[in-house]
C-alpha atoms as a PDB file:
ATOM      1  CA  MET A   1       6.762   1.727 -30.770  1.00  0.00           C
ATOM      2  CA  LYS A   2       2.780   1.452 -29.826  1.00  0.00           C
ATOM      3  CA  SER A   3       0.859  -1.896 -30.533  1.00  0.00           C
ATOM      4  CA  PRO A   4      -3.022  -1.855 -31.321  1.00  0.00           C
ATOM      5  CA  PHE A   5      -3.572  -3.781 -28.361  1.00  0.00           C
ATOM      6  CA  ASP A   6      -2.081  -0.877 -25.883  1.00  0.00           C
ATOM      7  CA  ASN A   7      -5.341   0.340 -25.380  1.00  0.00           C
ATOM      8  CA  VAL A   8      -7.055  -3.257 -24.748  1.00  0.00           C
ATOM      9  CA  PHE A   9      -4.641  -3.826 -22.100  1.00  0.00           C
ATOM     10  CA  ALA A  10      -4.706  -0.598 -20.433  1.00  0.00           C
ATOM     11  CA  ASP A  11      -8.723  -1.039 -20.071  1.00  0.00           C
ATOM     12  CA  THR A  12      -8.512  -4.444 -18.915  1.00  0.00           C
ATOM     13  CA  ALA A  13      -5.876  -3.310 -16.238  1.00  0.00           C
ATOM     14  CA  ASP A  14      -8.723  -0.468 -15.220  1.00  0.00           C
ATOM     15  CA  THR A  15     -11.553  -2.911 -15.130  1.00  0.00           C
ATOM     16  CA  PHE A  16      -9.569  -5.394 -13.013  1.00  0.00           C
ATOM     17  CA  HIS A  17      -8.962  -2.897 -10.381  1.00  0.00           C
ATOM     18  CA  ASP A  18     -12.474  -1.502 -10.614  1.00  0.00           C
ATOM     19  CA  VAL A  19     -13.809  -4.689 -10.166  1.00  0.00           C
ATOM     20  CA  PHE A  20     -11.771  -6.680  -7.612  1.00  0.00           C
ATOM     21  CA  GLY A  21      -9.807  -3.591  -6.025  1.00  0.00           C
ATOM     22  CA  ALA A  22     -10.405  -2.371  -2.335  1.00  0.00           C
ATOM     23  CA  ASP A  23     -11.173   1.227  -1.738  1.00  0.00           C
ATOM     24  CA  ALA A  24      -8.525   2.883  -0.666  1.00  0.00           C
ATOM     25  CA  GLU A  25      -6.962   6.344  -0.063  1.00  0.00           C
ATOM     26  CA  TYR A  26      -3.325   7.282  -0.988  1.00  0.00           C
ATOM     27  CA  THR A  27      -1.202   9.957   0.196  1.00  0.00           C
ATOM     28  CA  ILE A  28       1.799  11.268  -1.516  1.00  0.00           C
ATOM     29  CA  ALA A  29       4.363  11.960   1.507  1.00  0.00           C
ATOM     30  CA  ALA A  30       5.920  15.010  -0.283  1.00  0.00           C
ATOM     31  CA  THR A  31       2.700  17.022  -0.729  1.00  0.00           C
ATOM     32  CA  ASP A  32      -0.011  15.662   1.663  1.00  0.00           C
ATOM     33  CA  GLU A  33      -2.131  15.056  -1.212  1.00  0.00           C
ATOM     34  CA  THR A  34      -4.894  12.337  -0.732  1.00  0.00           C
ATOM     35  CA  VAL A  35      -5.929  10.330  -3.918  1.00  0.00           C
ATOM     36  CA  PRO A  36      -8.647   7.845  -3.864  1.00  0.00           C
ATOM     37  CA  LEU A  37      -8.234   4.775  -5.882  1.00  0.00           C
ATOM     38  CA  LYS A  38      -8.652   1.287  -5.890  1.00  0.00           C
ATOM     39  CA  PHE A  39      -6.156  -1.200  -4.484  1.00  0.00           C
ATOM     40  CA  ASN A  40      -5.745  -4.637  -5.489  1.00  0.00           C
ATOM     41  CA  LEU A  41      -4.564  -6.324  -2.676  1.00  0.00           C
ATOM     42  CA  ILE A  42      -2.378  -9.640  -3.531  1.00  0.00           C
ATOM     43  CA  SER A  43      -1.401 -10.541   0.517  1.00  0.00           C
ATOM     44  CA  LEU A  44      -1.707  -9.155   4.310  1.00  0.00           C
ATOM     45  CA  GLU A  45       0.598 -10.924   6.614  1.00  0.00           C
ATOM     46  CA  LYS A  46       1.045 -10.216  10.324  1.00  0.00           C
ATOM     47  CA  ILE A  47       3.998 -10.583  11.652  1.00  0.00           C
ATOM     48  CA  ASP A  48       4.550 -10.518  15.704  1.00  0.00           C
ATOM     49  CA  GLN A  49       8.046  -9.946  17.111  1.00  0.00           C
ATOM     50  CA  GLN A  50       8.651  -9.926  21.257  1.00  0.00           C
ATOM     51  CA  THR A  51      11.903  -8.792  22.677  1.00  0.00           C
ATOM     52  CA  SER A  52      12.887  -8.250  26.076  1.00  0.00           C
ATOM     53  CA  GLY A  53      11.440  -4.860  26.893  1.00  0.00           C
ATOM     54  CA  SER A  54       8.778  -4.692  24.124  1.00  0.00           C
ATOM     55  CA  ARG A  55       6.524  -6.450  21.498  1.00  0.00           C
ATOM     56  CA  SER A  56       5.989  -5.560  17.708  1.00  0.00           C
ATOM     57  CA  ASP A  57       2.951  -6.226  15.496  1.00  0.00           C
ATOM     58  CA  CYS A  58       3.743  -5.796  11.877  1.00  0.00           C
ATOM     59  CA  TRP A  59       1.334  -5.878   8.947  1.00  0.00           C
ATOM     60  CA  ILE A  60       2.554  -6.385   5.757  1.00  0.00           C
ATOM     61  CA  LEU A  61       0.441  -5.223   2.739  1.00  0.00           C
ATOM     62  CA  THR A  62       1.660  -6.446  -0.901  1.00  0.00           C
ATOM     63  CA  GLY A  63      -0.355  -5.324  -3.945  1.00  0.00           C
ATOM     64  CA  THR A  64      -0.865  -3.277  -7.214  1.00  0.00           C
ATOM     65  CA  ILE A  65      -2.119  -0.161  -7.691  1.00  0.00           C
ATOM     66  CA  LEU A  66      -2.577   1.776 -11.058  1.00  0.00           C
ATOM     67  CA  VAL A  67       0.192   3.910 -12.540  1.00  0.00           C
ATOM     68  CA  SER A  68      -2.859   6.120 -13.955  1.00  0.00           C
ATOM     69  CA  ASP A  69      -3.622   6.798  -9.816  1.00  0.00           C
ATOM     70  CA  VAL A  70      -0.338   7.276  -8.914  1.00  0.00           C
ATOM     71  CA  PRO A  71       2.159   8.114 -11.614  1.00  0.00           C
ATOM     72  CA  LEU A  72       5.483   8.083  -9.131  1.00  0.00           C
ATOM     73  CA  PRO A  73       4.814   6.430  -5.973  1.00  0.00           C
ATOM     74  CA  ALA A  74       7.653   7.041  -3.378  1.00  0.00           C
ATOM     75  CA  ARG A  75       9.009   5.927  -0.024  1.00  0.00           C
ATOM     76  CA  GLY A  76       7.151   7.297   2.557  1.00  0.00           C
ATOM     77  CA  ASP A  77       3.600   7.405   1.016  1.00  0.00           C
ATOM     78  CA  LEU A  78       0.834   6.067   3.101  1.00  0.00           C
ATOM     79  CA  ILE A  79      -2.261   3.992   1.979  1.00  0.00           C
ATOM     80  CA  THR A  80      -5.654   3.482   4.082  1.00  0.00           C
ATOM     81  CA  LEU A  81      -7.900   0.825   3.299  1.00  0.00           C
ATOM     82  CA  ASP A  82     -11.521   2.067   3.573  1.00  0.00           C
ATOM     83  CA  ASP A  83     -12.670  -1.302   4.805  1.00  0.00           C
ATOM     84  CA  ASP A  84     -10.067  -1.521   7.511  1.00  0.00           C
ATOM     85  CA  GLU A  85     -11.701  -1.321  10.923  1.00  0.00           C
ATOM     86  CA  ASP A  86      -8.743  -0.336  12.970  1.00  0.00           C
ATOM     87  CA  ASP A  87      -8.155   2.667  10.239  1.00  0.00           C
ATOM     88  CA  ARG A  88      -4.211   1.672  10.001  1.00  0.00           C
ATOM     89  CA  LYS A  89      -2.050   3.854   7.886  1.00  0.00           C
ATOM     90  CA  TYR A  90       0.311   1.778   5.708  1.00  0.00           C
ATOM     91  CA  GLN A  91       3.560   3.140   4.860  1.00  0.00           C
ATOM     92  CA  LEU A  92       5.270   2.201   1.546  1.00  0.00           C
ATOM     93  CA  THR A  93       8.558   0.950   2.594  1.00  0.00           C
ATOM     94  CA  GLN A  94       9.915  -0.541  -0.727  1.00  0.00           C
ATOM     95  CA  THR A  95      10.763   0.882  -3.925  1.00  0.00           C
ATOM     96  CA  PRO A  96       7.943   0.000  -6.469  1.00  0.00           C
ATOM     97  CA  THR A  97       8.150  -1.469  -9.669  1.00  0.00           C
ATOM     98  CA  THR A  98       6.115  -1.399 -12.638  1.00  0.00           C
ATOM     99  CA  ALA A  99       4.214  -4.407 -14.226  1.00  0.00           C
ATOM    100  CA  ASP A 100       2.408  -5.298 -17.258  1.00  0.00           C
ATOM    101  CA  ASP A 101       4.199  -2.711 -19.508  1.00  0.00           C
ATOM    102  CA  GLY A 102       4.052  -0.021 -17.294  1.00  0.00           C
ATOM    103  CA  LEU A 103       0.092  -0.318 -16.566  1.00  0.00           C
ATOM    104  CA  HIS A 104       0.673  -0.915 -12.677  1.00  0.00           C
ATOM    105  CA  TRP A 105       3.032  -0.749  -9.849  1.00  0.00           C
ATOM    106  CA  ASP A 106       3.756  -3.572  -7.664  1.00  0.00           C
ATOM    107  CA  VAL A 107       3.727  -2.252  -3.990  1.00  0.00           C
ATOM    108  CA  GLU A 108       4.478  -2.940  -0.506  1.00  0.00           C
ATOM    109  CA  PHE A 109       3.404  -1.479   2.796  1.00  0.00           C
ATOM    110  CA  ARG A 110       4.060  -1.849   6.496  1.00  0.00           C
ATOM    111  CA  HIS A 111       2.499  -0.711   9.240  1.00  0.00           C
ATOM    112  CA  GLU A 112       4.005  -1.402  12.829  1.00  0.00           C
ATOM    113  CA  GLU A 113       2.696  -1.035  16.432  1.00  0.00           C
ATOM    114  CA  VAL A 114       5.413  -1.422  19.134  1.00  0.00           C
ATOM    115  CA  THR A 115       4.386  -1.737  22.497  1.00  0.00           C
ATOM    116  CA  ARG A 116       6.656  -1.642  25.696  1.00  0.00           C
ATOM    117  CA  ARG A 117       6.296  -4.223  28.690  1.00  0.00           C
ATOM    118  CA  GLY A 118       3.609  -3.081  30.907  1.00  0.00           C
ATOM    119  CA  GLY A 119       1.600  -2.159  28.073  1.00  0.00           C
ATOM    120  CA  ASN A 120       2.321   1.062  27.182  1.00  0.00           C
ATOM    121  CA  PRO A 121       1.971   1.741  23.435  1.00  0.00           C
ATOM    122  CA  GLN A 122       4.676   3.290  21.366  1.00  0.00           C
ATOM    123  CA  LEU A 123       4.430   5.310  18.435  1.00  0.00           C
ATOM    124  CA  PRO A 124       4.662   3.065  14.992  1.00  0.00           C
ATOM    125  CA  ILE A 125       8.281   2.945  13.621  1.00  0.00           C
ATOM    126  CA  GLY A 126       8.711   5.219  10.704  1.00  0.00           C
ATOM    127  CA  PHE A 127       5.840   7.984  12.030  1.00  0.00           C
END
């Protein structure tokens, strides 16, 4: 049953993303379609890992996207933040969950770069 407040909450979520969200491009892996949207960044974490033969730098990007922008995100989809000077493509690695009565998706993306000893770059894992 729909509440008279449903439209108010949807408008509020839209406004929140418009004001606080970062400009981004979302690429749907299955169709290669690109969707411009606002990404509400919650956290950006960088993890460095060293092994005997290589070094791995992993960036974990968590945030929200509106369901109205991407109705069904799937693992393997990509997002690129417009303000990222390194033009990193982050891959959706976790199954997203909806929040706020299905108005937005809670998402986690990762970007990983592996460098072998000697400085030779290797393709990011998952690409």
